[in-house]
Amino acid sequence: MSTESEISGSVVNEGYILECSGFRELRRAVIKEVIRTFRAELPLLQETKLSSMSQSIIRDLWGNSKCLWVSLDVVGTSGGILLCWNSRLYIMKDHFIGTFVSAVLEDRANGSF
């Protein structure tokens, strides 16, 4: 087990890219803080390393129950993708989960995709 952890982040095209490695508890705390600080509406997490997603994990990351998600579970020791969205702002019209995750969301305010 590594005793070091590393966190870095940058803003790209009005989005925030966070790179975080190290202790699992630290990563989760940092992800929660970024979601709350930036009021993320559509966070996408790659390399979650989670074998399955649950409502309790989502609620812990998001901070409330106004979140829906699609996820791709980890295969072996790599992968895992989680796409979340604020259910008050977006409606999922369609989705696909295979070797990747794809979701079509409609903006509740103006009906655009």
N, C-alpha and C. Protein backbone atom coordinates (compact mmCIF):
# COMPACT_ATOMS: atom_id res chain seq x y z
N MET A 1 0.84 -1.18 0.00
CA MET A 1 0.00 0.00 0.00
C MET A 1 0.88 1.24 0.00
N SER A 2 0.55 2.18 -0.82
CA SER A 2 1.29 3.43 -0.89
C SER A 2 0.96 4.30 0.31
N THR A 3 1.96 4.99 0.84
CA THR A 3 1.72 5.91 1.94
C THR A 3 1.64 7.34 1.44
N GLU A 4 1.73 7.51 0.14
CA GLU A 4 1.66 8.84 -0.44
C GLU A 4 0.36 9.00 -1.20
N SER A 5 -0.08 10.23 -1.31
CA SER A 5 -1.24 10.52 -2.14
C SER A 5 -0.93 11.79 -2.91
N GLU A 6 -1.57 11.92 -4.06
CA GLU A 6 -1.29 13.06 -4.93
C GLU A 6 -2.60 13.59 -5.48
N ILE A 7 -2.76 14.90 -5.44
CA ILE A 7 -3.97 15.54 -5.94
C ILE A 7 -3.56 16.72 -6.80
N SER A 8 -4.14 16.82 -7.98
CA SER A 8 -3.94 18.00 -8.81
C SER A 8 -5.22 18.25 -9.58
N GLY A 9 -5.43 19.47 -9.99
CA GLY A 9 -6.65 19.79 -10.72
C GLY A 9 -6.44 20.96 -11.64
N SER A 10 -7.32 21.04 -12.64
CA SER A 10 -7.26 22.17 -13.57
C SER A 10 -8.63 22.40 -14.17
N VAL A 11 -8.89 23.64 -14.57
CA VAL A 11 -10.15 24.00 -15.22
C VAL A 11 -9.93 23.95 -16.72
N VAL A 12 -10.76 23.19 -17.43
CA VAL A 12 -10.65 23.04 -18.88
C VAL A 12 -12.03 23.18 -19.48
N ASN A 13 -12.20 24.12 -20.43
CA ASN A 13 -13.47 24.32 -21.13
C ASN A 13 -14.65 24.37 -20.17
N GLU A 14 -14.58 25.21 -19.18
CA GLU A 14 -15.62 25.40 -18.18
C GLU A 14 -15.89 24.15 -17.35
N GLY A 15 -15.01 23.17 -17.41
CA GLY A 15 -15.13 21.97 -16.59
C GLY A 15 -13.91 21.84 -15.72
N TYR A 16 -13.99 21.01 -14.73
CA TYR A 16 -12.87 20.83 -13.82
C TYR A 16 -12.36 19.41 -13.95
N ILE A 17 -11.07 19.27 -14.21
CA ILE A 17 -10.46 17.95 -14.31
C ILE A 17 -9.64 17.74 -13.05
N LEU A 18 -9.95 16.68 -12.34
CA LEU A 18 -9.29 16.37 -11.09
C LEU A 18 -8.56 15.05 -11.23
N GLU A 19 -7.29 15.05 -10.90
CA GLU A 19 -6.50 13.81 -10.87
C GLU A 19 -6.18 13.55 -9.42
N CYS A 20 -6.51 12.36 -8.95
CA CYS A 20 -6.32 12.06 -7.54
C CYS A 20 -5.91 10.61 -7.39
N SER A 21 -4.78 10.37 -6.76
CA SER A 21 -4.35 9.00 -6.49
C SER A 21 -3.94 8.90 -5.03
N GLY A 22 -3.95 7.71 -4.51
CA GLY A 22 -3.55 7.53 -3.13
C GLY A 22 -4.64 6.87 -2.33
N PHE A 23 -4.79 7.27 -1.08
CA PHE A 23 -5.74 6.64 -0.19
C PHE A 23 -7.18 6.81 -0.67
N ARG A 24 -7.94 5.73 -0.62
CA ARG A 24 -9.33 5.74 -1.09
C ARG A 24 -10.19 6.78 -0.36
N GLU A 25 -10.05 6.87 0.97
CA GLU A 25 -10.86 7.81 1.75
C GLU A 25 -10.54 9.24 1.36
N LEU A 26 -9.27 9.54 1.10
CA LEU A 26 -8.86 10.87 0.70
C LEU A 26 -9.45 11.21 -0.67
N ARG A 27 -9.39 10.25 -1.59
CA ARG A 27 -9.94 10.49 -2.93
C ARG A 27 -11.43 10.82 -2.84
N ARG A 28 -12.18 10.04 -2.08
CA ARG A 28 -13.62 10.28 -1.97
C ARG A 28 -13.90 11.65 -1.36
N ALA A 29 -13.15 12.03 -0.34
CA ALA A 29 -13.34 13.33 0.30
C ALA A 29 -13.05 14.46 -0.68
N VAL A 30 -11.99 14.32 -1.47
CA VAL A 30 -11.64 15.36 -2.45
C VAL A 30 -12.71 15.45 -3.52
N ILE A 31 -13.19 14.32 -4.01
CA ILE A 31 -14.23 14.32 -5.05
C ILE A 31 -15.50 14.99 -4.52
N LYS A 32 -15.90 14.66 -3.29
CA LYS A 32 -17.07 15.30 -2.68
C LYS A 32 -16.89 16.82 -2.62
N GLU A 33 -15.71 17.25 -2.20
CA GLU A 33 -15.44 18.69 -2.06
C GLU A 33 -15.50 19.39 -3.42
N VAL A 34 -14.94 18.78 -4.45
CA VAL A 34 -14.96 19.38 -5.79
C VAL A 34 -16.39 19.48 -6.31
N ILE A 35 -17.18 18.42 -6.15
CA ILE A 35 -18.58 18.45 -6.59
C ILE A 35 -19.34 19.57 -5.90
N ARG A 36 -19.14 19.71 -4.61
CA ARG A 36 -19.85 20.75 -3.86
C ARG A 36 -19.32 22.15 -4.16
N THR A 37 -18.01 22.30 -4.21
CA THR A 37 -17.41 23.62 -4.45
C THR A 37 -17.80 24.18 -5.81
N PHE A 38 -17.75 23.34 -6.83
CA PHE A 38 -18.04 23.80 -8.19
C PHE A 38 -19.50 23.60 -8.58
N ARG A 39 -20.31 23.10 -7.64
CA ARG A 39 -21.72 22.84 -7.89
C ARG A 39 -21.91 22.07 -9.20
N ALA A 40 -21.17 20.99 -9.29
CA ALA A 40 -21.16 20.17 -10.51
C ALA A 40 -22.55 19.66 -10.83
N GLU A 41 -22.96 19.83 -12.07
CA GLU A 41 -24.25 19.36 -12.53
C GLU A 41 -24.14 18.02 -13.24
N LEU A 42 -22.97 17.74 -13.84
CA LEU A 42 -22.75 16.51 -14.59
C LEU A 42 -21.36 15.94 -14.31
N PRO A 43 -21.08 15.52 -13.08
CA PRO A 43 -19.75 14.96 -12.84
C PRO A 43 -19.58 13.60 -13.52
N LEU A 44 -18.43 13.40 -14.12
CA LEU A 44 -18.06 12.14 -14.74
C LEU A 44 -16.79 11.65 -14.06
N LEU A 45 -16.85 10.48 -13.46
CA LEU A 45 -15.70 9.92 -12.77
C LEU A 45 -15.20 8.72 -13.55
N GLN A 46 -13.90 8.71 -13.84
CA GLN A 46 -13.27 7.60 -14.54
C GLN A 46 -12.37 6.85 -13.57
N GLU A 47 -12.16 5.58 -13.86
CA GLU A 47 -11.33 4.72 -13.02
C GLU A 47 -11.83 4.72 -11.57
N THR A 48 -13.12 4.47 -11.40
CA THR A 48 -13.69 4.47 -10.05
C THR A 48 -13.19 3.30 -9.21
N LYS A 49 -12.79 2.22 -9.89
CA LYS A 49 -12.29 1.00 -9.21
C LYS A 49 -13.37 0.36 -8.33
N LEU A 50 -14.65 0.67 -8.58
CA LEU A 50 -15.74 0.10 -7.80
C LEU A 50 -16.40 -1.03 -8.58
N SER A 51 -16.59 -2.16 -7.91
CA SER A 51 -17.19 -3.31 -8.59
C SER A 51 -18.69 -3.12 -8.81
N SER A 52 -19.31 -2.27 -8.01
CA SER A 52 -20.72 -1.94 -8.23
C SER A 52 -21.02 -0.58 -7.59
N MET A 53 -22.03 0.09 -8.12
CA MET A 53 -22.43 1.41 -7.62
C MET A 53 -23.71 1.23 -6.82
N SER A 54 -23.90 2.08 -5.82
CA SER A 54 -25.11 2.02 -5.01
C SER A 54 -25.62 3.42 -4.71
N GLN A 55 -26.89 3.50 -4.33
CA GLN A 55 -27.49 4.79 -3.97
C GLN A 55 -26.73 5.43 -2.82
N SER A 56 -26.25 4.65 -1.88
CA SER A 56 -25.54 5.23 -0.73
C SER A 56 -24.21 5.86 -1.14
N ILE A 57 -23.50 5.25 -2.09
CA ILE A 57 -22.25 5.85 -2.59
C ILE A 57 -22.57 7.15 -3.32
N ILE A 58 -23.58 7.13 -4.17
CA ILE A 58 -23.96 8.34 -4.91
C ILE A 58 -24.37 9.45 -3.95
N ARG A 59 -25.20 9.13 -2.98
CA ARG A 59 -25.66 10.13 -2.02
C ARG A 59 -24.49 10.71 -1.23
N ASP A 60 -23.51 9.85 -0.89
CA ASP A 60 -22.34 10.32 -0.16
C ASP A 60 -21.52 11.30 -1.00
N LEU A 61 -21.33 10.99 -2.29
CA LEU A 61 -20.56 11.88 -3.17
C LEU A 61 -21.33 13.16 -3.49
N TRP A 62 -22.61 13.02 -3.81
CA TRP A 62 -23.43 14.15 -4.29
C TRP A 62 -23.89 15.04 -3.14
N GLY A 63 -24.24 14.43 -2.00
CA GLY A 63 -24.66 15.21 -0.86
C GLY A 63 -26.16 15.26 -0.66
N ASN A 64 -26.94 14.80 -1.64
CA ASN A 64 -28.39 14.72 -1.47
C ASN A 64 -28.96 13.69 -2.44
N SER A 65 -30.26 13.53 -2.42
CA SER A 65 -30.89 12.48 -3.23
C SER A 65 -31.35 12.96 -4.60
N LYS A 66 -31.05 14.20 -4.98
CA LYS A 66 -31.50 14.75 -6.27
C LYS A 66 -30.52 14.41 -7.38
N CYS A 67 -30.06 13.19 -7.39
CA CYS A 67 -29.06 12.77 -8.36
C CYS A 67 -29.45 11.42 -8.95
N LEU A 68 -29.29 11.30 -10.26
CA LEU A 68 -29.45 10.03 -10.95
C LEU A 68 -28.12 9.70 -11.59
N TRP A 69 -27.92 8.47 -11.99
CA TRP A 69 -26.62 8.09 -12.53
C TRP A 69 -26.71 6.85 -13.41
N VAL A 70 -25.68 6.69 -14.23
CA VAL A 70 -25.40 5.44 -14.93
C VAL A 70 -23.94 5.13 -14.66
N SER A 71 -23.64 3.84 -14.60
CA SER A 71 -22.25 3.48 -14.30
C SER A 71 -21.84 2.23 -15.03
N LEU A 72 -20.56 2.12 -15.24
CA LEU A 72 -19.92 0.93 -15.80
C LEU A 72 -19.01 0.40 -14.71
N ASP A 73 -19.29 -0.82 -14.26
CA ASP A 73 -18.52 -1.39 -13.16
C ASP A 73 -17.10 -1.75 -13.61
N VAL A 74 -16.23 -1.86 -12.64
CA VAL A 74 -14.84 -2.22 -12.87
C VAL A 74 -14.76 -3.65 -13.41
N VAL A 75 -13.77 -3.89 -14.26
CA VAL A 75 -13.48 -5.23 -14.76
C VAL A 75 -12.08 -5.58 -14.30
N GLY A 76 -11.96 -6.61 -13.47
CA GLY A 76 -10.66 -6.93 -12.91
C GLY A 76 -10.22 -5.84 -11.96
N THR A 77 -9.07 -5.26 -12.23
CA THR A 77 -8.55 -4.19 -11.37
C THR A 77 -8.54 -2.84 -12.05
N SER A 78 -9.15 -2.75 -13.24
CA SER A 78 -9.13 -1.45 -13.92
C SER A 78 -10.53 -1.06 -14.36
N GLY A 79 -10.68 0.24 -14.54
CA GLY A 79 -11.93 0.76 -15.08
C GLY A 79 -12.90 1.23 -14.04
N GLY A 80 -14.12 1.33 -14.48
CA GLY A 80 -15.18 1.88 -13.67
C GLY A 80 -15.44 3.31 -14.07
N ILE A 81 -16.66 3.58 -14.51
CA ILE A 81 -17.05 4.93 -14.93
C ILE A 81 -18.37 5.26 -14.25
N LEU A 82 -18.50 6.49 -13.81
CA LEU A 82 -19.72 6.96 -13.18
C LEU A 82 -20.08 8.31 -13.78
N LEU A 83 -21.28 8.40 -14.32
CA LEU A 83 -21.82 9.67 -14.82
C LEU A 83 -23.04 10.00 -13.98
N CYS A 84 -23.01 11.14 -13.30
CA CYS A 84 -24.12 11.59 -12.45
C CYS A 84 -24.72 12.86 -13.04
N TRP A 85 -25.98 13.13 -12.71
CA TRP A 85 -26.57 14.40 -13.09
C TRP A 85 -27.62 14.81 -12.07
N ASN A 86 -27.85 16.10 -12.00
CA ASN A 86 -28.85 16.68 -11.12
C ASN A 86 -30.22 16.40 -11.74
N SER A 87 -31.03 15.59 -11.07
CA SER A 87 -32.33 15.20 -11.63
C SER A 87 -33.34 16.34 -11.69
N ARG A 88 -33.06 17.45 -11.00
CA ARG A 88 -33.93 18.62 -11.12
C ARG A 88 -33.62 19.41 -12.39
N LEU A 89 -32.43 19.19 -12.96
CA LEU A 89 -32.02 19.95 -14.14
C LEU A 89 -32.06 19.14 -15.43
N TYR A 90 -31.88 17.83 -15.35
CA TYR A 90 -31.77 17.00 -16.56
C TYR A 90 -32.66 15.76 -16.47
N ILE A 91 -33.15 15.33 -17.62
CA ILE A 91 -33.93 14.10 -17.76
C ILE A 91 -33.13 13.17 -18.68
N MET A 92 -32.94 11.93 -18.27
CA MET A 92 -32.26 10.98 -19.15
C MET A 92 -33.26 10.45 -20.16
N LYS A 93 -32.97 10.65 -21.44
CA LYS A 93 -33.83 10.18 -22.52
C LYS A 93 -33.43 8.79 -22.99
N ASP A 94 -32.15 8.47 -22.94
CA ASP A 94 -31.66 7.18 -23.39
C ASP A 94 -30.27 6.97 -22.82
N HIS A 95 -29.85 5.71 -22.76
CA HIS A 95 -28.49 5.43 -22.32
C HIS A 95 -28.05 4.06 -22.84
N PHE A 96 -26.76 3.87 -22.85
CA PHE A 96 -26.15 2.61 -23.28
C PHE A 96 -25.00 2.31 -22.34
N ILE A 97 -24.95 1.07 -21.89
CA ILE A 97 -23.84 0.62 -21.06
C ILE A 97 -23.29 -0.64 -21.71
N GLY A 98 -22.04 -0.59 -22.11
CA GLY A 98 -21.37 -1.73 -22.75
C GLY A 98 -19.91 -1.68 -22.35
N THR A 99 -19.04 -1.48 -23.34
CA THR A 99 -17.63 -1.27 -23.02
C THR A 99 -17.39 0.19 -22.69
N PHE A 100 -18.43 1.01 -22.80
CA PHE A 100 -18.40 2.42 -22.43
C PHE A 100 -19.78 2.80 -21.92
N VAL A 101 -19.92 4.01 -21.41
CA VAL A 101 -21.20 4.51 -20.93
C VAL A 101 -21.58 5.71 -21.78
N SER A 102 -22.82 5.72 -22.23
CA SER A 102 -23.32 6.85 -23.01
C SER A 102 -24.72 7.19 -22.50
N ALA A 103 -25.00 8.46 -22.36
CA ALA A 103 -26.32 8.88 -21.90
C ALA A 103 -26.75 10.11 -22.68
N VAL A 104 -28.02 10.16 -23.05
CA VAL A 104 -28.60 11.33 -23.70
C VAL A 104 -29.47 12.02 -22.65
N LEU A 105 -29.09 13.25 -22.31
CA LEU A 105 -29.82 14.00 -21.29
C LEU A 105 -30.50 15.20 -21.91
N GLU A 106 -31.70 15.50 -21.43
CA GLU A 106 -32.44 16.69 -21.89
C GLU A 106 -32.44 17.71 -20.76
N ASP A 107 -32.16 18.95 -21.10
CA ASP A 107 -32.19 20.05 -20.15
C ASP A 107 -33.65 20.37 -19.85
N ARG A 108 -34.06 20.25 -18.60
CA ARG A 108 -35.46 20.50 -18.22
C ARG A 108 -35.90 21.93 -18.53
N ALA A 109 -34.96 22.89 -18.45
CA ALA A 109 -35.31 24.30 -18.63
C ALA A 109 -35.70 24.65 -20.05
N ASN A 110 -34.98 24.12 -21.04
CA ASN A 110 -35.28 24.51 -22.41
C ASN A 110 -35.48 23.34 -23.37
N GLY A 111 -35.49 22.13 -22.86
CA GLY A 111 -35.76 20.96 -23.69
C GLY A 111 -34.68 20.60 -24.67
N SER A 112 -33.48 21.14 -24.53
CA SER A 112 -32.39 20.82 -25.46
C SER A 112 -31.61 19.62 -24.96
N PHE A 113 -30.96 18.92 -25.90
CA PHE A 113 -30.14 17.77 -25.57
C PHE A 113 -28.70 18.18 -25.45
